[in-house]
Amino acid sequence: MMSREPVEDVPVGSDVIRLGQFLKFSGLLDSGGDAKAVVAGGDVRVNGREERRRGRQLVDGDVVALGGRSVRVRP
């Protein structure tokens, strides 16, 4: 059986946010430069699927996972 990491809610203050911005805003990464490399490398999952588009727009309820940590977009 797979263990699931707890999902942390991160309020972003708007209806949408781009993946690259959210990775930094949520604290999953330290900088936008890091986001570019990590997303391009296929290390980020959105709603359980690999995501390689740093500009992907995230909406309320999307779950982003990286390095064993999962965070959910909240407005």
Protein backbone atom coordinates (compact mmCIF):
# COMPACT_ATOMS: atom_id res chain seq x y z
CA MET A 1 0.00 0.00 0.00
CA MET A 2 1.27 3.48 -0.91
CA SER A 3 1.51 6.07 1.82
CA ARG A 4 0.18 9.50 1.00
CA GLU A 5 1.78 12.71 2.12
CA PRO A 6 -0.54 15.24 3.73
CA VAL A 7 -1.67 18.03 1.41
CA GLU A 8 -1.09 21.58 2.59
CA ASP A 9 -3.48 24.33 1.42
CA VAL A 10 -1.76 27.48 0.08
CA PRO A 11 -3.96 30.56 -0.42
CA VAL A 12 -2.77 32.53 -3.46
CA GLY A 13 -5.11 35.52 -3.28
CA SER A 14 -6.46 35.14 -6.83
CA ASP A 15 -8.39 32.74 -9.03
CA VAL A 16 -5.39 31.55 -11.08
CA ILE A 17 -1.61 31.39 -10.74
CA ARG A 18 1.06 30.02 -13.04
CA LEU A 19 2.89 26.87 -11.99
CA GLY A 20 6.33 28.52 -11.91
CA GLN A 21 5.03 31.30 -9.67
CA PHE A 22 3.20 28.87 -7.41
CA LEU A 23 6.28 26.71 -6.86
CA LYS A 24 8.12 29.72 -5.47
CA PHE A 25 5.10 31.25 -3.67
CA SER A 26 4.26 27.98 -1.90
CA GLY A 27 7.83 27.48 -0.71
CA LEU A 28 8.36 24.30 -2.72
CA LEU A 29 11.31 26.06 -4.39
CA ASP A 30 13.47 29.05 -3.52
CA SER A 31 13.54 30.83 -6.88
CA GLY A 32 11.98 31.12 -10.30
CA GLY A 33 15.22 29.90 -11.84
CA ASP A 34 14.90 26.70 -9.84
CA ALA A 35 11.32 26.32 -11.09
CA LYS A 36 12.40 26.45 -14.71
CA ALA A 37 14.90 23.60 -14.28
CA VAL A 38 12.72 21.42 -12.05
CA VAL A 39 9.63 21.69 -14.27
CA ALA A 40 11.65 21.08 -17.44
CA GLY A 41 13.20 18.02 -15.77
CA GLY A 42 9.76 16.45 -15.22
CA ASP A 43 10.00 16.47 -11.43
CA VAL A 44 6.70 18.29 -10.81
CA ARG A 45 3.28 16.66 -10.74
CA VAL A 46 -0.04 18.49 -10.99
CA ASN A 47 -3.07 16.48 -9.94
CA GLY A 48 -0.98 13.32 -10.14
CA ARG A 49 0.37 13.89 -13.65
CA GLU A 50 3.82 15.01 -14.74
CA GLU A 51 3.76 18.65 -15.81
CA ARG A 52 6.52 20.26 -17.91
CA ARG A 53 4.81 23.59 -18.65
CA ARG A 54 6.03 26.22 -16.21
CA GLY A 55 3.32 28.58 -17.49
CA ARG A 56 0.45 26.18 -16.82
CA GLN A 57 -2.36 28.00 -15.09
CA LEU A 58 -3.40 26.49 -11.79
CA VAL A 59 -6.86 26.96 -10.30
CA ASP A 60 -8.54 26.35 -6.96
CA GLY A 61 -8.12 22.73 -5.90
CA ASP A 62 -5.14 21.83 -8.11
CA VAL A 63 -2.56 19.80 -6.18
CA VAL A 64 1.13 20.29 -6.96
CA ALA A 65 3.66 17.72 -5.77
CA LEU A 66 7.43 17.97 -5.65
CA GLY A 67 10.00 16.09 -3.61
CA GLY A 68 7.55 14.28 -1.35
CA ARG A 69 5.57 17.42 -0.53
CA SER A 70 2.10 18.24 -1.87
CA VAL A 71 0.34 21.59 -1.81
CA ARG A 72 -3.15 22.59 -2.95
CA VAL A 73 -4.03 25.88 -4.63
CA ARG A 74 -6.64 27.92 -2.76
CA PRO A 75 -7.90 31.39 -3.74
